[in-house]
N, C-alpha and C. Protein backbone atom coordinates (compact mmCIF):
# COMPACT_ATOMS: atom_id res chain seq x y z
N MET A 1 -75.00 52.41 11.24
CA MET A 1 -74.23 53.95 11.03
C MET A 1 -73.00 54.45 12.25
N SER A 2 -73.71 54.79 13.47
CA SER A 2 -72.30 55.32 14.13
C SER A 2 -72.04 54.29 14.99
N ASP A 3 -72.15 53.20 14.77
CA ASP A 3 -71.15 51.93 14.52
C ASP A 3 -69.97 52.25 13.97
N ILE A 4 -70.15 52.31 12.69
CA ILE A 4 -69.26 52.66 11.73
C ILE A 4 -68.02 53.92 12.01
N LYS A 5 -69.26 54.41 12.45
CA LYS A 5 -68.22 56.45 12.55
C LYS A 5 -67.03 56.09 13.82
N SER A 6 -67.95 55.41 14.75
CA SER A 6 -67.23 55.27 15.78
C SER A 6 -65.20 54.51 15.57
N ASN A 7 -65.96 52.66 14.53
CA ASN A 7 -64.89 52.23 14.44
C ASN A 7 -64.03 53.24 13.89
N HIS A 8 -64.32 53.99 12.95
CA HIS A 8 -63.50 54.30 12.19
C HIS A 8 -62.28 55.60 12.80
N THR A 9 -63.40 56.44 14.15
CA THR A 9 -62.48 57.23 14.20
C THR A 9 -62.17 56.50 15.68
N GLY A 10 -62.05 55.00 15.80
CA GLY A 10 -61.01 53.75 17.10
C GLY A 10 -59.55 54.07 16.11
N LYS A 11 -59.95 53.68 15.09
CA LYS A 11 -58.66 53.32 14.06
C LYS A 11 -57.94 54.71 14.04
N THR A 12 -58.58 55.40 13.96
CA THR A 12 -57.78 56.76 14.02
C THR A 12 -56.80 57.15 14.77
N GLU A 13 -57.50 57.37 15.74
CA GLU A 13 -57.23 57.53 17.57
C GLU A 13 -55.74 56.63 17.57
N ASN A 14 -56.14 54.92 17.26
CA ASN A 14 -54.54 54.40 17.18
C ASN A 14 -53.92 54.60 16.28
N ALA A 15 -54.27 54.75 15.10
CA ALA A 15 -53.15 55.54 14.15
C ALA A 15 -51.80 56.04 14.58
N LYS A 16 -52.56 57.52 15.62
CA LYS A 16 -52.39 58.56 15.64
C LYS A 16 -51.48 58.45 16.64
N LYS A 17 -51.55 57.28 17.82
CA LYS A 17 -51.15 56.64 18.85
C LYS A 17 -50.26 55.88 18.02
N GLU A 18 -49.54 55.29 17.58
CA GLU A 18 -49.01 54.17 16.41
C GLU A 18 -47.65 55.16 16.36
N ASP A 19 -48.15 56.60 15.19
CA ASP A 19 -46.83 57.48 15.10
C ASP A 19 -46.53 58.51 15.57
N GLY A 20 -47.33 58.41 17.28
CA GLY A 20 -46.79 59.26 18.10
C GLY A 20 -45.47 58.24 18.22
N ARG A 21 -45.86 57.10 18.41
CA ARG A 21 -44.81 56.48 19.37
C ARG A 21 -43.81 55.90 18.31
N VAL A 22 -43.90 55.60 16.89
CA VAL A 22 -42.36 55.62 15.75
C VAL A 22 -42.06 56.93 16.16
N ARG A 23 -42.42 58.22 16.04
CA ARG A 23 -41.76 59.17 16.05
C ARG A 23 -40.81 59.33 17.00
N TYR A 24 -41.11 59.59 18.75
CA TYR A 24 -40.88 58.79 19.92
C TYR A 24 -39.64 57.55 19.66
N THR A 25 -39.54 56.85 19.24
CA THR A 25 -38.53 55.65 19.08
C THR A 25 -37.22 56.11 18.29
N LYS A 26 -37.70 56.81 17.23
CA LYS A 26 -36.97 57.15 16.21
C LYS A 26 -35.68 58.56 16.90
N MET A 27 -36.63 59.35 18.03
CA MET A 27 -36.09 60.36 18.07
C MET A 27 -35.43 59.82 19.36
N ARG A 28 -35.58 58.91 19.85
CA ARG A 28 -34.41 58.34 20.68
C ARG A 28 -33.65 58.04 20.37
N ILE A 29 -33.22 57.22 18.93
CA ILE A 29 -32.13 56.42 18.42
C ILE A 29 -31.67 56.97 17.91
N ARG A 30 -32.12 58.60 17.58
CA ARG A 30 -30.91 59.41 16.61
C ARG A 30 -30.47 60.13 17.42
N SER A 31 -31.84 60.53 18.75
CA SER A 31 -30.42 61.40 19.97
C SER A 31 -29.26 60.72 20.94
N ALA A 32 -29.50 59.03 20.53
CA ALA A 32 -28.29 58.06 20.96
C ALA A 32 -26.75 58.53 20.21
N PHE A 33 -28.29 58.45 18.55
CA PHE A 33 -26.74 57.92 17.80
C PHE A 33 -25.72 59.72 17.99
N TYR A 34 -26.59 60.70 18.10
CA TYR A 34 -25.88 62.23 17.36
C TYR A 34 -25.35 62.35 19.36
N GLU A 35 -24.93 61.40 20.15
CA GLU A 35 -24.42 61.74 21.20
C GLU A 35 -23.09 60.67 21.31
N LEU A 36 -23.76 59.39 20.58
CA LEU A 36 -22.20 58.78 20.77
C LEU A 36 -21.27 59.10 19.67
N LEU A 37 -21.66 59.95 18.67
CA LEU A 37 -20.67 60.74 17.55
C LEU A 37 -19.87 61.69 18.09
N GLN A 38 -20.14 61.73 19.25
CA GLN A 38 -19.59 63.41 20.19
C GLN A 38 -18.28 62.33 21.00
N LYS A 39 -19.03 61.27 21.82
CA LYS A 39 -18.60 60.87 22.73
C LYS A 39 -17.98 59.44 21.92
N THR A 40 -17.92 58.87 21.09
CA THR A 40 -16.91 57.76 20.44
C THR A 40 -16.45 57.68 19.19
N GLY A 41 -17.36 58.75 18.32
CA GLY A 41 -17.05 58.66 17.06
C GLY A 41 -17.68 58.09 16.05
N TYR A 42 -17.96 58.15 14.78
CA TYR A 42 -18.99 57.20 13.91
C TYR A 42 -18.06 56.11 13.75
N GLU A 43 -16.90 55.59 13.55
CA GLU A 43 -16.31 54.66 13.40
C GLU A 43 -16.74 53.55 14.67
N LYS A 44 -16.58 53.91 15.47
CA LYS A 44 -17.08 52.89 16.66
C LYS A 44 -18.48 52.84 16.67
N ILE A 45 -19.37 53.36 16.39
CA ILE A 45 -21.30 53.37 16.69
C ILE A 45 -21.39 52.03 16.25
N THR A 46 -22.05 51.35 17.00
CA THR A 46 -23.03 50.35 16.60
C THR A 46 -23.91 49.91 16.53
N VAL A 47 -25.08 48.99 16.31
CA VAL A 47 -26.70 48.81 16.83
C VAL A 47 -26.55 48.81 18.06
N THR A 48 -25.80 47.80 18.23
CA THR A 48 -25.83 47.78 20.05
C THR A 48 -25.40 48.57 20.87
N SER A 49 -24.32 49.47 20.72
CA SER A 49 -24.41 51.00 21.40
C SER A 49 -25.33 51.85 21.24
N ILE A 50 -26.14 52.08 20.25
CA ILE A 50 -27.04 53.18 19.99
C ILE A 50 -28.32 52.21 21.07
N CYS A 51 -28.96 50.80 20.64
CA CYS A 51 -29.62 50.45 21.49
C CYS A 51 -29.33 50.91 22.93
N THR A 52 -28.54 50.51 23.10
CA THR A 52 -27.99 50.37 24.94
C THR A 52 -27.90 51.95 25.45
N LEU A 53 -28.25 52.88 24.86
CA LEU A 53 -28.06 54.36 25.07
C LEU A 53 -29.32 54.40 24.93
N ALA A 54 -30.08 54.14 23.96
CA ALA A 54 -31.65 54.67 23.94
C ALA A 54 -32.51 54.00 24.58
N GLU A 55 -31.72 52.39 24.80
CA GLU A 55 -33.06 52.07 25.83
C GLU A 55 -34.28 50.93 25.13
N ILE A 56 -33.57 50.72 24.13
CA ILE A 56 -34.61 49.91 23.57
C ILE A 56 -33.68 48.89 22.64
N ASN A 57 -34.44 47.61 22.24
CA ASN A 57 -33.70 46.48 22.21
C ASN A 57 -33.22 46.56 20.51
N ARG A 58 -32.75 45.77 19.84
CA ARG A 58 -32.33 45.54 18.67
C ARG A 58 -33.09 45.63 17.58
N ALA A 59 -34.03 44.76 17.64
CA ALA A 59 -35.59 44.48 17.61
C ALA A 59 -36.92 45.73 17.16
N THR A 60 -36.13 46.63 17.96
CA THR A 60 -37.03 47.87 18.22
C THR A 60 -35.83 49.10 16.84
N PHE A 61 -35.14 48.56 16.64
CA PHE A 61 -33.93 49.77 16.08
C PHE A 61 -33.91 49.19 14.28
N TYR A 62 -34.30 47.43 14.42
CA TYR A 62 -34.33 46.61 13.27
C TYR A 62 -35.99 47.49 12.66
N LYS A 63 -36.57 47.87 13.33
CA LYS A 63 -38.39 47.73 12.36
C LYS A 63 -37.85 49.44 11.81
N HIS A 64 -36.73 49.87 12.46
CA HIS A 64 -36.97 51.20 11.51
C HIS A 64 -35.68 51.52 10.94
N TYR A 65 -34.39 50.83 10.94
CA TYR A 65 -33.62 51.21 10.01
C TYR A 65 -32.26 49.78 10.44
N LEU A 66 -32.05 49.69 8.49
CA LEU A 66 -31.56 48.76 8.57
C LEU A 66 -29.87 48.07 9.19
N ASP A 67 -29.72 49.73 9.58
CA ASP A 67 -27.98 49.30 10.39
C ASP A 67 -27.64 50.83 10.55
N VAL A 68 -26.22 51.01 10.68
CA VAL A 68 -25.92 52.45 10.81
C VAL A 68 -25.15 53.19 9.89
N PRO A 69 -25.41 52.50 8.91
CA PRO A 69 -24.98 53.64 7.76
C PRO A 69 -26.78 53.97 6.78
N ASN A 70 -27.44 53.06 7.08
CA ASN A 70 -28.61 53.69 6.88
C ASN A 70 -29.51 54.95 7.54
N LEU A 71 -29.14 54.68 9.06
CA LEU A 71 -29.91 55.71 9.73
C LEU A 71 -29.15 56.96 9.20
N VAL A 72 -27.74 57.11 9.21
CA VAL A 72 -26.69 58.31 8.63
C VAL A 72 -27.65 58.60 6.92
N ASP A 73 -28.05 57.60 6.46
CA ASP A 73 -28.53 58.12 5.15
C ASP A 73 -29.91 58.49 5.41
N GLU A 74 -30.67 58.50 6.28
CA GLU A 74 -32.07 58.80 6.05
C GLU A 74 -31.70 60.22 6.72
N LEU A 75 -30.56 60.77 7.60
CA LEU A 75 -30.45 61.57 8.62
C LEU A 75 -29.68 62.82 7.72
N GLN A 76 -29.47 62.11 6.70
CA GLN A 76 -28.98 62.78 5.60
C GLN A 76 -29.81 63.39 4.55
N LYS A 77 -30.55 62.23 4.15
CA LYS A 77 -32.41 63.18 3.96
C LYS A 77 -33.08 64.03 4.48
N ASP A 78 -33.03 63.71 5.57
CA ASP A 78 -33.74 64.74 6.21
C ASP A 78 -33.17 65.92 6.54
N ALA A 79 -32.25 66.06 6.05
CA ALA A 79 -31.36 67.74 6.20
C ALA A 79 -31.59 68.18 4.99
N VAL A 80 -31.38 67.47 3.71
CA VAL A 80 -31.88 67.55 2.56
C VAL A 80 -32.66 68.29 2.29
N ASN A 81 -33.77 67.63 2.92
CA ASN A 81 -35.13 67.40 2.61
C ASN A 81 -35.51 68.83 3.38
N GLU A 82 -35.03 69.42 4.50
CA GLU A 82 -35.14 70.52 4.96
C GLU A 82 -35.04 71.58 3.90
N LEU A 83 -33.51 71.81 3.83
CA LEU A 83 -33.16 72.29 3.01
C LEU A 83 -33.74 72.80 1.65
N LYS A 84 -34.40 71.62 0.82
CA LYS A 84 -35.42 71.92 0.46
C LYS A 84 -36.39 72.96 0.24
N SER A 85 -37.18 72.52 1.73
CA SER A 85 -38.23 73.42 2.51
C SER A 85 -38.30 74.54 2.62
N LYS A 86 -37.27 75.17 3.51
CA LYS A 86 -36.70 76.52 3.67
C LYS A 86 -36.88 77.36 1.83
N LEU A 87 -36.01 76.27 1.36
CA LEU A 87 -35.54 77.44 -0.50
C LEU A 87 -37.29 77.35 -1.24
N GLN A 88 -38.31 76.01 -1.45
CA GLN A 88 -39.00 76.94 -1.25
C GLN A 88 -39.99 77.23 -0.72
N ASN A 89 -40.01 78.22 0.51
CA ASN A 89 -40.84 78.71 1.03
C ASN A 89 -40.37 80.26 0.81
N ALA A 90 -38.67 80.16 0.76
CA ALA A 90 -38.33 82.20 0.43
C ALA A 90 -38.90 82.39 -0.29
N LYS A 91 -39.23 83.89 -0.29
CA LYS A 91 -39.87 85.34 -0.39
C LYS A 91 -38.80 85.41 -1.66
N ASP A 92 -37.63 85.45 -1.55
CA ASP A 92 -36.60 85.57 -3.14
C ASP A 92 -36.34 84.15 -3.51
N THR A 93 -37.19 83.67 -5.04
CA THR A 93 -36.76 82.03 -5.41
C THR A 93 -35.84 82.40 -6.51
N SER A 94 -34.94 83.56 -6.86
CA SER A 94 -34.22 83.39 -7.63
C SER A 94 -32.90 83.05 -7.56
N PHE A 95 -32.34 82.09 -8.88
CA PHE A 95 -31.35 81.34 -8.59
C PHE A 95 -30.42 81.81 -8.25
N ASP A 96 -29.68 82.51 -7.95
CA ASP A 96 -28.89 83.23 -7.38
C ASP A 96 -28.96 83.50 -5.80
N ILE A 97 -30.03 83.85 -5.61
CA ILE A 97 -29.73 83.38 -4.30
C ILE A 97 -30.57 82.38 -3.66
N SER A 98 -31.00 81.42 -4.11
CA SER A 98 -31.06 80.18 -4.15
C SER A 98 -29.54 79.78 -3.44
N ILE A 99 -29.01 79.56 -4.47
CA ILE A 99 -27.58 79.10 -4.31
C ILE A 99 -26.90 79.58 -2.89
N ALA A 100 -27.02 80.87 -2.57
CA ALA A 100 -26.47 81.55 -1.61
C ALA A 100 -27.41 80.94 0.24
N GLN A 101 -28.61 80.73 -0.20
CA GLN A 101 -29.35 80.47 0.49
C GLN A 101 -28.77 78.85 1.04
N THR A 102 -28.53 78.44 0.24
CA THR A 102 -28.07 77.29 -0.09
C THR A 102 -26.89 76.64 0.96
N LEU A 103 -26.21 77.41 0.75
CA LEU A 103 -24.39 77.97 1.53
C LEU A 103 -24.83 77.99 2.72
N LYS A 104 -25.68 78.93 3.43
CA LYS A 104 -25.70 79.55 4.51
C LYS A 104 -26.45 78.41 5.25
N TYR A 105 -27.14 78.34 4.71
CA TYR A 105 -27.74 76.81 5.92
C TYR A 105 -27.03 75.80 5.92
N ILE A 106 -26.52 75.34 4.95
CA ILE A 106 -24.71 74.55 5.01
C ILE A 106 -24.15 75.08 6.39
N ARG A 107 -23.61 76.12 5.95
CA ARG A 107 -22.34 76.59 6.96
C ARG A 107 -23.43 76.85 8.29
N GLU A 108 -23.87 77.30 8.61
CA GLU A 108 -24.64 77.76 9.91
C GLU A 108 -25.28 76.28 10.89
N ASN A 109 -25.70 74.99 10.43
CA ASN A 109 -26.36 73.67 10.23
C ASN A 109 -24.73 73.52 10.95
N LEU A 110 -23.49 73.52 10.35
CA LEU A 110 -21.83 73.03 10.07
C LEU A 110 -21.53 73.27 11.39
N THR A 111 -21.38 75.18 11.44
CA THR A 111 -21.21 75.59 13.08
C THR A 111 -22.01 75.49 13.70
N ASP A 112 -23.41 75.11 14.17
CA ASP A 112 -23.71 75.58 15.15
C ASP A 112 -24.02 74.39 15.38
N SER A 113 -24.35 73.18 14.54
CA SER A 113 -24.51 71.73 15.23
C SER A 113 -24.24 70.93 15.30
N PRO A 114 -22.56 70.55 16.39
CA PRO A 114 -21.41 69.90 15.67
C PRO A 114 -21.74 68.41 15.66
N SER A 115 -22.97 67.94 15.35
CA SER A 115 -23.39 66.90 15.21
C SER A 115 -23.69 67.07 14.02
N VAL A 116 -24.45 67.50 13.44
CA VAL A 116 -24.22 67.45 11.97
C VAL A 116 -22.90 67.48 10.92
N LYS A 117 -21.85 68.34 11.57
CA LYS A 117 -20.85 68.64 11.21
C LYS A 117 -20.04 66.87 11.29
N HIS A 118 -20.31 66.61 12.24
CA HIS A 118 -19.63 64.99 12.57
C HIS A 118 -20.30 63.99 11.60
N LEU A 119 -21.72 64.20 11.59
CA LEU A 119 -22.12 63.19 10.80
C LEU A 119 -21.74 63.58 9.50
N ILE A 120 -21.76 64.17 8.84
CA ILE A 120 -21.48 64.77 7.10
C ILE A 120 -19.84 64.25 6.81
N TYR A 121 -19.06 64.93 7.96
CA TYR A 121 -17.94 64.16 7.54
C TYR A 121 -17.03 62.66 7.22
N PRO A 122 -18.14 61.59 8.29
CA PRO A 122 -17.73 60.84 8.17
C PRO A 122 -18.01 59.79 6.56
N ASP A 123 -19.14 60.69 6.07
CA ASP A 123 -19.71 60.23 5.00
C ASP A 123 -20.00 60.71 3.69
N SER A 124 -18.81 61.80 3.65
CA SER A 124 -18.69 63.23 3.51
C SER A 124 -19.47 63.18 1.53
N SER A 125 -19.13 61.86 1.25
CA SER A 125 -19.75 61.48 -0.25
C SER A 125 -21.44 61.13 -0.20
N GLY A 126 -21.56 60.21 0.73
CA GLY A 126 -22.74 60.32 0.92
C GLY A 126 -23.85 61.41 0.62
N PHE A 127 -23.70 62.25 1.88
CA PHE A 127 -24.41 63.76 1.83
C PHE A 127 -24.43 64.51 0.34
N THR A 128 -22.70 64.44 -0.09
CA THR A 128 -22.90 65.32 -1.69
C THR A 128 -23.21 64.87 -2.42
N SER A 129 -23.56 63.36 -2.23
CA SER A 129 -24.16 63.31 -3.96
C SER A 129 -25.80 63.66 -3.46
N LYS A 130 -25.94 64.00 -2.39
CA LYS A 130 -27.60 64.43 -2.07
C LYS A 130 -27.82 65.73 -2.55
N ILE A 131 -26.75 66.49 -2.09
CA ILE A 131 -26.83 67.77 -2.55
C ILE A 131 -26.51 67.69 -4.30
N THR A 132 -25.93 67.38 -4.63
CA THR A 132 -26.00 66.55 -5.92
C THR A 132 -26.85 66.90 -6.60
N ASP A 133 -27.30 65.82 -6.28
CA ASP A 133 -28.72 65.71 -7.15
C ASP A 133 -29.73 66.68 -6.70
N MET A 134 -29.72 67.58 -5.47
CA MET A 134 -30.30 68.48 -5.38
C MET A 134 -30.31 70.16 -6.46
N LEU A 135 -28.24 70.06 -6.68
CA LEU A 135 -27.84 70.85 -7.58
C LEU A 135 -28.63 70.70 -8.80
N TYR A 136 -28.74 69.90 -9.33
CA TYR A 136 -29.22 69.34 -10.91
C TYR A 136 -30.33 69.80 -10.94
N GLU A 137 -31.17 69.68 -9.63
CA GLU A 137 -33.08 69.91 -9.85
C GLU A 137 -32.57 71.66 -10.36
N MET A 138 -32.42 72.74 -9.41
CA MET A 138 -31.88 73.72 -9.45
C MET A 138 -31.90 73.95 -10.87
N PHE A 139 -30.38 73.76 -10.85
CA PHE A 139 -29.57 74.15 -12.64
C PHE A 139 -31.01 73.61 -13.58
N SER A 140 -31.38 72.33 -13.59
CA SER A 140 -32.23 72.33 -14.90
C SER A 140 -33.26 73.48 -15.21
N ASN A 141 -34.07 73.29 -13.31
CA ASN A 141 -34.92 74.09 -13.40
C ASN A 141 -34.59 75.77 -14.15
N SER A 142 -33.75 75.95 -13.77
CA SER A 142 -33.15 77.77 -13.35
C SER A 142 -32.51 78.34 -14.60
N MET A 143 -31.75 77.33 -14.92
CA MET A 143 -30.49 78.06 -15.78
C MET A 143 -31.49 78.30 -17.76
N SER A 144 -30.93 78.91 -18.73
CA SER A 144 -31.47 79.42 -19.70
C SER A 144 -31.40 78.05 -20.26
N PRO A 145 -32.29 78.45 -21.52
CA PRO A 145 -32.10 77.04 -22.16
C PRO A 145 -31.42 76.31 -22.96
N TYR A 146 -31.40 75.22 -23.07
CA TYR A 146 -30.02 74.51 -23.56
C TYR A 146 -30.73 74.19 -24.98
N GLU A 147 -30.84 74.19 -25.98
CA GLU A 147 -30.76 74.03 -27.21
C GLU A 147 -29.32 74.18 -27.98
N ASN A 148 -29.36 73.59 -28.91
CA ASN A 148 -28.16 73.49 -29.65
C ASN A 148 -26.56 73.21 -29.76
N LEU A 149 -26.93 72.06 -28.10
CA LEU A 149 -25.94 71.82 -27.52
C LEU A 149 -24.66 71.35 -28.58
N THR A 150 -23.81 70.97 -28.45
CA THR A 150 -22.46 70.75 -29.12
C THR A 150 -22.57 69.12 -29.16
N SER A 151 -22.79 68.22 -30.24
CA SER A 151 -23.08 67.22 -30.50
C SER A 151 -22.36 65.89 -29.93
N GLY A 152 -23.61 65.11 -28.89
CA GLY A 152 -22.94 63.95 -28.52
C GLY A 152 -22.73 64.94 -26.52
N ILE A 153 -23.12 66.14 -26.52
CA ILE A 153 -23.70 66.34 -25.07
C ILE A 153 -24.71 66.62 -25.04
N THR A 154 -25.41 65.98 -23.68
CA THR A 154 -27.19 66.21 -23.75
C THR A 154 -27.45 66.47 -21.83
N LYS A 155 -28.71 67.14 -22.46
CA LYS A 155 -29.06 67.74 -21.39
C LYS A 155 -28.48 67.19 -20.16
N ASP A 156 -28.59 65.61 -19.64
CA ASP A 156 -28.63 65.04 -18.65
C ASP A 156 -26.87 64.82 -18.45
N ILE A 157 -26.02 64.64 -19.62
CA ILE A 157 -24.19 64.94 -19.32
C ILE A 157 -24.11 66.15 -18.65
N LEU A 158 -24.46 67.18 -19.07
CA LEU A 158 -24.21 68.83 -18.96
C LEU A 158 -24.89 69.36 -17.53
N PHE A 159 -25.60 68.91 -17.07
CA PHE A 159 -26.30 69.02 -15.68
C PHE A 159 -25.94 68.39 -14.71
N SER A 160 -25.00 67.61 -15.13
CA SER A 160 -24.42 65.69 -14.35
C SER A 160 -23.36 67.01 -13.73
N TYR A 161 -22.86 67.03 -15.02
CA TYR A 161 -21.34 67.64 -14.70
C TYR A 161 -21.58 69.19 -14.25
N ILE A 162 -22.31 69.87 -13.94
CA ILE A 162 -22.16 70.77 -13.39
C ILE A 162 -22.77 70.42 -11.92
N SER A 163 -23.81 70.12 -11.72
CA SER A 163 -23.85 70.06 -10.36
C SER A 163 -23.06 69.40 -9.23
N ALA A 164 -22.76 68.20 -10.49
CA ALA A 164 -21.68 67.59 -9.64
C ALA A 164 -20.43 68.42 -9.45
N GLY A 165 -19.79 69.12 -9.89
CA GLY A 165 -18.74 70.96 -10.26
C GLY A 165 -18.76 71.58 -9.05
N SER A 166 -20.25 71.63 -8.56
CA SER A 166 -21.10 72.89 -7.95
C SER A 166 -20.41 71.83 -6.24
N ALA A 167 -21.18 70.97 -6.33
CA ALA A 167 -20.91 69.76 -4.95
C ALA A 167 -19.76 69.73 -4.33
N SER A 168 -19.12 69.61 -5.31
CA SER A 168 -17.48 69.41 -4.96
C SER A 168 -17.02 70.89 -4.49
N ILE A 169 -17.09 72.49 -5.04
CA ILE A 169 -17.16 73.04 -4.30
C ILE A 169 -17.51 73.41 -3.20
N ILE A 170 -18.70 73.69 -2.98
CA ILE A 170 -19.88 73.81 -2.17
C ILE A 170 -19.04 72.89 -0.70
N GLU A 171 -18.57 71.17 -1.08
CA GLU A 171 -18.19 70.50 -0.04
C GLU A 171 -16.72 70.80 0.39
N ASN A 172 -15.21 71.57 -0.18
CA ASN A 172 -14.49 72.00 -0.46
C ASN A 172 -14.56 73.44 0.42
N TRP A 173 -15.26 73.65 0.10
CA TRP A 173 -15.66 75.05 1.06
C TRP A 173 -15.90 74.59 2.39
N CYS A 174 -16.37 73.83 2.48
CA CYS A 174 -16.86 73.41 4.03
C CYS A 174 -15.30 73.14 4.80
N LYS A 175 -15.13 72.25 4.20
CA LYS A 175 -13.91 71.59 4.97
C LYS A 175 -12.86 72.60 4.82
N THR A 176 -12.65 73.42 4.13
CA THR A 176 -11.24 74.49 4.71
C THR A 176 -12.00 75.66 5.35
N GLY A 177 -13.00 75.65 5.94
CA GLY A 177 -13.56 76.50 7.21
C GLY A 177 -13.91 77.85 6.84
N TYR A 178 -14.54 77.67 5.36
CA TYR A 178 -15.35 78.63 5.08
C TYR A 178 -14.90 80.00 5.07
N LYS A 179 -13.60 79.78 4.34
CA LYS A 179 -13.15 81.27 4.12
C LYS A 179 -13.22 82.17 3.10
N GLU A 180 -14.41 82.45 2.14
CA GLU A 180 -15.31 82.96 1.18
C GLU A 180 -16.26 82.98 2.20
N SER A 181 -17.18 83.56 1.49
CA SER A 181 -18.76 84.62 2.01
C SER A 181 -19.04 83.62 1.56
N GLU A 182 -21.01 83.10 1.23
CA GLU A 182 -21.48 82.32 0.79
C GLU A 182 -21.93 83.06 -0.75
N GLU A 183 -21.66 84.26 -0.84
CA GLU A 183 -22.22 85.35 -1.63
C GLU A 183 -20.86 85.17 -2.93
N ASP A 184 -19.85 85.30 -2.47
CA ASP A 184 -18.85 84.53 -3.01
C ASP A 184 -18.52 83.42 -3.81
N ILE A 185 -18.75 82.90 -2.80
CA ILE A 185 -18.80 80.55 -3.09
C ILE A 185 -19.67 80.50 -4.69
N ALA A 186 -21.09 81.74 -3.62
CA ALA A 186 -22.25 81.67 -5.26
C ALA A 186 -21.86 82.51 -6.96
N HIS A 187 -21.21 83.23 -6.21
CA HIS A 187 -21.20 84.14 -7.31
C HIS A 187 -20.25 82.52 -8.54
N SER A 188 -19.51 82.17 -7.75
CA SER A 188 -18.46 81.57 -8.99
C SER A 188 -19.30 79.84 -9.41
N ILE A 189 -20.03 79.36 -8.24
CA ILE A 189 -20.65 78.68 -8.89
C ILE A 189 -21.61 78.98 -10.17
N ILE A 190 -21.83 79.94 -9.88
CA ILE A 190 -22.83 80.26 -11.27
C ILE A 190 -22.59 80.80 -12.21
N PHE A 191 -21.51 81.47 -12.60
CA PHE A 191 -20.07 81.80 -13.20
C PHE A 191 -19.57 81.21 -13.97
N LEU A 192 -19.52 79.27 -13.18
CA LEU A 192 -18.57 78.54 -13.59
C LEU A 192 -19.90 77.60 -14.74
N ALA A 193 -20.44 77.78 -13.85
CA ALA A 193 -22.04 77.06 -14.58
C ALA A 193 -22.20 77.47 -16.00
N SER A 194 -22.53 78.75 -16.29
CA SER A 194 -22.94 79.63 -16.87
C SER A 194 -21.78 79.24 -18.17
N ALA A 195 -20.82 79.75 -17.96
CA ALA A 195 -19.33 79.36 -18.50
C ALA A 195 -19.50 78.11 -19.46
N THR A 196 -19.72 77.52 -18.09
CA THR A 196 -19.73 75.46 -18.90
C THR A 196 -21.15 75.55 -19.94
N LEU A 197 -22.46 76.06 -20.04
CA LEU A 197 -23.10 76.46 -20.82
C LEU A 197 -23.53 77.18 -21.97
N LYS A 198 -22.33 78.23 -22.19
CA LYS A 198 -22.27 78.75 -23.17
C LYS A 198 -21.34 78.08 -24.31
N ASN A 199 -20.05 77.37 -23.19
CA ASN A 199 -18.95 76.63 -23.97
C ASN A 199 -19.73 75.68 -24.89
N VAL A 200 -20.93 75.04 -24.78
CA VAL A 200 -21.03 73.38 -24.94
C VAL A 200 -21.96 74.19 -25.68
N ARG A 201 -22.57 75.07 -26.54
CA ARG A 201 -23.16 75.37 -27.48
C ARG A 201 -22.68 75.69 -28.69
N SER A 202 -23.22 74.96 -29.73
CA SER A 202 -22.94 75.18 -30.46
C SER A 202 -23.06 76.37 -31.53
């Protein structure tokens, strides 16, 4: 019995060591990627340049990522997941506050972290699509019931339309330098979403 327990403990410790090595390797890859964004710009980044700076071989890179676009996709997913986590842990989870917090998170990360700014804009469509998916979930969970919709308008069509439009507003807000406050943009998004919902009810 003690031998079985000892073997199990050994496997657990080995798994922890493996997880630690994986996290460390990914950290080196991502750090190299961010540094290259600052130095060369996204278009000139290659797997080879990342590996050279991170001091790893290409085989190690390909254990974790398919290519540079896949690395970008994973970084964008992490950013959206972090945002979701912050919203879930917030004390005030009302819909309008959640939208404002979403905008604040995006603005602060783009302003305070040049690496994130450069990450988003070379492939803003990828990041915007992830924000769209998150907004779809927020709208469908938070807005008032959508019974008696105009013929041909389904829940999926309705919230796809609202979330895509809202994500475009956010993207434009970022690219034009945050001229409006988070509260003003949040108000505009909620007003337009509510007006759309009202107009498609029969």
